[in-house]
Amino acid sequence: MRPWVFIHINKTGGSSIEKALGAGLDHSTALEKYRQLGAEAWAKKFVFSVVRNPWDKVVSHYHYRVKTNQTGLGEHTIPFAEWLQRCYLERDPRYYDQPRMFMAQRDWLVDENGEMLVTFVGRFENLQQDFDSICQRIGTQASLGHAKPSERGGYREYYSAESQAIVAEAFAADIELFGYGF
């Protein structure tokens, strides 16, 4: 059994980390993993995750869904601002099909009382450096590749003031906890 647990939040480089460490794809929350392992086993594990600037994460999420044709978005692409509104304001089931993939990153990492269950939170913006720290901590050598590269511009160009505010509201907990800004 591994001496570590990785909490893979979508669109934070998690597929690359799982591939590098030889772990299978798993989008379980920390609370789900904690309940699965139990308090005693959990206390012995190094638990880590990676977070990402919410505005960048949401743009990445949109592009990945278009690229992989999730909910038909590739065949019938709608503009980013419309998708954002349909998912985060209206929760339109045609696009908002997997609620956990849209939730704040903090919600992946805490227990039912809002207490952090994760030992180390890396940042996508410092992925290689934080991955190296993780490898050192778990006593392994691994090479971090890029499992799902994208070809898009900077996230800021996708936003109007209105769409920027939608993400700010949806990810307010992340912005406060991790200090992110637009």
Protein backbone atom coordinates (compact mmCIF):
# COMPACT_ATOMS: atom_id res chain seq x y z
CA MET A 1 0.00 0.00 0.00
CA ARG A 2 1.26 3.45 -0.89
CA PRO A 3 2.37 5.79 1.91
CA TRP A 4 0.62 8.67 0.12
CA VAL A 5 -2.78 9.74 -1.18
CA PHE A 6 -3.20 12.10 -4.11
CA ILE A 7 -6.42 14.10 -4.34
CA HIS A 8 -6.87 14.74 -8.07
CA ILE A 9 -8.85 17.90 -8.67
CA ASN A 10 -9.78 18.16 -12.34
CA LYS A 11 -7.74 20.48 -14.59
CA THR A 12 -4.84 20.93 -12.18
CA GLY A 13 -2.22 18.68 -13.79
CA GLY A 14 -3.47 15.63 -11.93
CA SER A 15 -3.42 13.26 -14.91
CA SER A 16 0.27 14.07 -15.42
CA ILE A 17 0.97 13.46 -11.72
CA GLU A 18 -0.95 10.17 -11.68
CA LYS A 19 0.89 8.99 -14.79
CA ALA A 20 4.29 9.97 -13.37
CA LEU A 21 3.59 8.18 -10.08
CA GLY A 22 1.95 5.12 -11.65
CA ALA A 23 -1.42 5.78 -10.05
CA GLY A 24 -4.77 5.19 -11.71
CA LEU A 25 -7.21 7.95 -12.56
CA ASP A 26 -9.22 8.81 -9.47
CA HIS A 27 -11.35 11.90 -8.93
CA SER A 28 -12.31 11.16 -5.30
CA THR A 29 -12.48 13.96 -2.77
CA ALA A 30 -10.30 13.90 0.33
CA LEU A 31 -13.35 13.19 2.46
CA GLU A 32 -14.30 10.20 0.31
CA LYS A 33 -10.75 8.84 0.55
CA TYR A 34 -10.63 9.53 4.29
CA ARG A 35 -13.83 7.57 4.83
CA GLN A 36 -12.55 4.74 2.63
CA LEU A 37 -9.22 4.43 4.49
CA GLY A 38 -10.31 5.34 8.03
CA ALA A 39 -8.75 7.80 10.45
CA GLU A 40 -5.90 5.56 11.59
CA ALA A 41 -4.63 4.73 8.08
CA TRP A 42 -5.21 8.31 6.92
CA ALA A 43 -3.03 9.70 9.71
CA LYS A 44 -0.09 7.63 8.40
CA LYS A 45 -0.36 8.94 4.84
CA PHE A 46 1.19 11.94 3.13
CA VAL A 47 -1.89 13.47 1.49
CA PHE A 48 -1.36 15.98 -1.29
CA SER A 49 -3.19 17.81 -4.02
CA VAL A 50 -2.68 20.60 -6.55
CA VAL A 51 -4.86 23.67 -7.05
CA ARG A 52 -5.03 26.17 -9.91
CA ASN A 53 -6.07 29.76 -10.44
CA PRO A 54 -9.86 29.40 -10.79
CA TRP A 55 -10.15 31.62 -13.87
CA ASP A 56 -7.45 29.60 -15.63
CA LYS A 57 -8.96 26.30 -14.45
CA VAL A 58 -12.39 27.15 -15.84
CA VAL A 59 -10.99 28.10 -19.26
CA SER A 60 -9.03 24.84 -19.31
CA HIS A 61 -12.15 22.92 -18.31
CA TYR A 62 -14.15 24.48 -21.15
CA HIS A 63 -11.48 23.72 -23.76
CA TYR A 64 -11.05 20.15 -22.54
CA ARG A 65 -14.79 19.56 -22.79
CA VAL A 66 -14.84 20.96 -26.31
CA LYS A 67 -11.82 18.87 -27.33
CA THR A 68 -13.26 15.64 -25.90
CA ASN A 69 -16.83 16.45 -27.03
CA GLN A 70 -18.23 16.09 -23.51
CA THR A 71 -21.98 16.76 -23.52
CA GLY A 72 -21.70 17.29 -27.28
CA LEU A 73 -19.78 20.52 -26.74
CA GLY A 74 -17.28 19.67 -29.46
CA GLU A 75 -19.93 19.07 -32.10
CA HIS A 76 -22.13 21.95 -30.98
CA THR A 77 -19.69 24.42 -29.48
CA ILE A 78 -21.13 27.40 -27.66
CA PRO A 79 -19.09 30.48 -26.72
CA PHE A 80 -17.14 30.33 -23.46
CA ALA A 81 -19.23 33.07 -21.79
CA GLU A 82 -22.46 31.22 -22.60
CA TRP A 83 -21.07 27.90 -21.34
CA LEU A 84 -19.93 29.62 -18.16
CA GLN A 85 -23.40 31.03 -17.54
CA ARG A 86 -25.14 27.73 -18.32
CA CYS A 87 -22.85 25.78 -16.00
CA TYR A 88 -22.22 28.09 -13.09
CA LEU A 89 -25.42 30.14 -12.93
CA GLU A 90 -28.14 28.02 -14.50
CA ARG A 91 -26.63 24.59 -13.81
CA ASP A 92 -28.07 23.50 -17.13
CA PRO A 93 -27.89 19.67 -17.12
CA ARG A 94 -26.93 19.68 -20.79
CA TYR A 95 -23.53 21.06 -19.71
CA TYR A 96 -23.45 20.77 -15.92
CA ASP A 97 -23.39 16.98 -16.02
CA GLN A 98 -20.75 16.13 -13.41
CA PRO A 99 -21.23 18.57 -10.49
CA ARG A 100 -17.98 17.64 -8.73
CA MET A 101 -16.00 18.82 -11.76
CA PHE A 102 -17.48 22.31 -11.29
CA MET A 103 -17.11 22.67 -7.52
CA ALA A 104 -14.63 24.87 -5.70
CA GLN A 105 -11.23 23.24 -5.19
CA ARG A 106 -11.45 23.78 -1.44
CA ASP A 107 -14.44 21.42 -1.39
CA TRP A 108 -12.22 18.60 -2.70
CA LEU A 109 -9.84 19.01 0.24
CA VAL A 110 -11.87 19.47 3.42
CA ASP A 111 -14.03 17.39 5.74
CA GLU A 112 -17.69 18.06 6.53
CA ASN A 113 -16.63 20.76 9.04
CA GLY A 114 -14.44 22.58 6.55
CA GLU A 115 -11.20 21.32 8.13
CA MET A 116 -8.33 20.66 5.72
CA LEU A 117 -7.63 16.95 5.25
CA VAL A 118 -4.63 17.44 2.98
CA THR A 119 -1.03 17.72 4.19
CA PHE A 120 0.40 19.55 1.17
CA VAL A 121 -1.30 21.68 -1.49
CA GLY A 122 0.82 22.39 -4.54
CA ARG A 123 0.02 24.93 -7.20
CA PHE A 124 -0.41 24.36 -10.90
CA GLU A 125 1.46 27.60 -11.45
CA ASN A 126 4.53 25.98 -9.78
CA LEU A 127 3.77 22.42 -10.86
CA GLN A 128 7.28 21.14 -11.59
CA GLN A 129 8.77 22.64 -8.42
CA ASP A 130 5.91 21.37 -6.24
CA PHE A 131 5.99 17.94 -7.92
CA ASP A 132 9.71 17.71 -7.14
CA SER A 133 8.91 18.51 -3.48
CA ILE A 134 6.21 15.82 -3.46
CA CYS A 135 8.59 13.24 -4.92
CA GLN A 136 11.21 14.11 -2.32
CA ARG A 137 8.63 13.80 0.46
CA ILE A 138 7.37 10.38 -0.73
CA GLY A 139 10.87 9.12 -1.48
CA THR A 140 10.55 8.53 -5.21
CA GLN A 141 12.05 9.80 -8.42
CA ALA A 142 9.62 10.49 -11.23
CA SER A 143 9.51 12.56 -14.35
CA LEU A 144 6.53 14.84 -14.78
CA GLY A 145 5.23 14.84 -18.33
CA HIS A 146 2.25 16.72 -19.75
CA ALA A 147 -0.62 14.25 -20.15
CA LYS A 148 -3.22 16.64 -21.55
CA PRO A 149 -1.54 19.63 -23.22
CA SER A 150 -3.65 22.40 -24.72
CA GLU A 151 -3.02 25.03 -27.36
CA ARG A 152 -4.79 28.14 -26.14
CA GLY A 153 -3.91 31.65 -25.18
CA GLY A 154 -3.85 33.19 -21.73
CA TYR A 155 -7.02 32.85 -19.67
CA ARG A 156 -7.59 36.59 -19.16
CA GLU A 157 -8.57 37.10 -22.82
CA TYR A 158 -11.64 34.88 -22.34
CA TYR A 159 -13.30 37.07 -19.74
CA SER A 160 -15.56 40.07 -19.63
CA ALA A 161 -16.22 41.79 -16.31
CA GLU A 162 -19.47 39.79 -16.04
CA SER A 163 -17.90 36.40 -16.72
CA GLN A 164 -14.98 37.21 -14.45
CA ALA A 165 -17.50 37.88 -11.63
CA ILE A 166 -19.25 34.52 -12.23
CA VAL A 167 -16.01 32.67 -11.57
CA ALA A 168 -15.16 34.93 -8.62
CA GLU A 169 -18.45 33.98 -6.99
CA ALA A 170 -18.31 30.27 -7.81
CA PHE A 171 -14.74 29.97 -6.53
CA ALA A 172 -14.85 32.52 -3.70
CA ALA A 173 -13.62 29.90 -1.21
CA ASP A 174 -10.56 29.16 -3.37
CA ILE A 175 -9.80 32.82 -3.91
CA GLU A 176 -9.87 33.42 -0.17
CA LEU A 177 -8.06 30.24 0.92
CA PHE A 178 -5.36 30.15 -1.75
CA GLY A 179 -5.03 33.89 -2.42
CA TYR A 180 -5.80 33.79 -6.11
CA GLY A 181 -6.67 36.85 -8.14
CA PHE A 182 -7.67 37.47 -11.70
